[in-house]
Amino acid sequence: MSYPLFIFNSKNVEKEKKRYRKIVKRLFEGLKLNLKKLRSIIEDVIKLGKEPKV
């Protein structure tokens, strides 16, 4: 993981690194949730396309 350069301008670099890690972790958790929802929507659309037309 790389850190933005402004972190190293801080007087407390370790605190800034922890804060940055938490932000990145929350971002990835949110992306995982959204990707699961998006995947289910895509699967539903594909299923509808495969159903025989009456």
C-alpha atoms as a PDB file:
ATOM      1  CA  MET A   1       0.000   0.000   0.000  1.00  0.00           C
ATOM      2  CA  SER A   2       1.314   3.426  -0.791  1.00  0.00           C
ATOM      3  CA  TYR A   3       0.559   6.556   1.180  1.00  0.00           C
ATOM      4  CA  PRO A   4      -0.155  10.052  -0.111  1.00  0.00           C
ATOM      5  CA  LEU A   5       2.784  12.400   0.359  1.00  0.00           C
ATOM      6  CA  PHE A   6       0.915  14.767   2.696  1.00  0.00           C
ATOM      7  CA  ILE A   7       1.030  12.084   5.422  1.00  0.00           C
ATOM      8  CA  PHE A   8       4.780  12.562   5.769  1.00  0.00           C
ATOM      9  CA  ASN A   9       4.350  16.302   6.391  1.00  0.00           C
ATOM     10  CA  SER A  10       2.471  15.500   9.580  1.00  0.00           C
ATOM     11  CA  LYS A  11       4.127  15.637  12.987  1.00  0.00           C
ATOM     12  CA  ASN A  12       2.624  12.247  13.849  1.00  0.00           C
ATOM     13  CA  VAL A  13       3.237  10.017  10.843  1.00  0.00           C
ATOM     14  CA  GLU A  14       2.087   6.787  12.518  1.00  0.00           C
ATOM     15  CA  LYS A  15      -1.253   8.318  13.455  1.00  0.00           C
ATOM     16  CA  GLU A  16      -1.752   9.505   9.877  1.00  0.00           C
ATOM     17  CA  LYS A  17      -0.840   6.057   8.512  1.00  0.00           C
ATOM     18  CA  LYS A  18      -3.431   4.407  10.782  1.00  0.00           C
ATOM     19  CA  ARG A  19      -6.065   6.927   9.725  1.00  0.00           C
ATOM     20  CA  TYR A  20      -5.259   6.298   6.050  1.00  0.00           C
ATOM     21  CA  ARG A  21      -5.418   2.507   6.500  1.00  0.00           C
ATOM     22  CA  LYS A  22      -8.862   2.810   8.115  1.00  0.00           C
ATOM     23  CA  ILE A  23     -10.128   4.941   5.242  1.00  0.00           C
ATOM     24  CA  VAL A  24      -8.804   2.495   2.643  1.00  0.00           C
ATOM     25  CA  LYS A  25     -10.281  -0.455   4.543  1.00  0.00           C
ATOM     26  CA  ARG A  26     -13.722   1.193   4.673  1.00  0.00           C
ATOM     27  CA  LEU A  27     -13.495   1.994   0.974  1.00  0.00           C
ATOM     28  CA  PHE A  28     -12.778  -1.616   0.032  1.00  0.00           C
ATOM     29  CA  GLU A  29     -15.524  -2.940   2.317  1.00  0.00           C
ATOM     30  CA  GLY A  30     -17.995  -0.605   0.639  1.00  0.00           C
ATOM     31  CA  LEU A  31     -16.831  -1.675  -2.795  1.00  0.00           C
ATOM     32  CA  LYS A  32     -17.266  -5.342  -1.927  1.00  0.00           C
ATOM     33  CA  LEU A  33     -20.867  -4.753  -0.848  1.00  0.00           C
ATOM     34  CA  ASN A  34     -21.680  -2.733  -3.943  1.00  0.00           C
ATOM     35  CA  LEU A  35     -20.048  -5.278  -6.240  1.00  0.00           C
ATOM     36  CA  LYS A  36     -22.189  -8.068  -4.780  1.00  0.00           C
ATOM     37  CA  LYS A  37     -25.350  -6.043  -5.424  1.00  0.00           C
ATOM     38  CA  LEU A  38     -24.218  -5.161  -8.932  1.00  0.00           C
ATOM     39  CA  ARG A  39     -23.383  -8.786  -9.688  1.00  0.00           C
ATOM     40  CA  SER A  40     -26.830  -9.953  -8.607  1.00  0.00           C
ATOM     41  CA  ILE A  41     -28.485  -7.335 -10.836  1.00  0.00           C
ATOM     42  CA  ILE A  42     -26.375  -8.410 -13.820  1.00  0.00           C
ATOM     43  CA  GLU A  43     -27.207 -12.076 -13.171  1.00  0.00           C
ATOM     44  CA  ASP A  44     -30.931 -11.244 -13.070  1.00  0.00           C
ATOM     45  CA  VAL A  45     -30.714  -9.412 -16.392  1.00  0.00           C
ATOM     46  CA  ILE A  46     -28.868 -12.344 -17.983  1.00  0.00           C
ATOM     47  CA  LYS A  47     -31.477 -14.788 -16.650  1.00  0.00           C
ATOM     48  CA  LEU A  48     -34.263 -12.678 -18.121  1.00  0.00           C
ATOM     49  CA  GLY A  49     -32.485 -12.674 -21.462  1.00  0.00           C
ATOM     50  CA  LYS A  50     -32.175 -16.466 -21.441  1.00  0.00           C
ATOM     51  CA  GLU A  51     -35.834 -17.156 -20.642  1.00  0.00           C
ATOM     52  CA  PRO A  52     -37.814 -18.373 -23.643  1.00  0.00           C
ATOM     53  CA  LYS A  53     -40.130 -15.763 -25.094  1.00  0.00           C
ATOM     54  CA  VAL A  54     -43.795 -16.655 -25.069  1.00  0.00           C
END
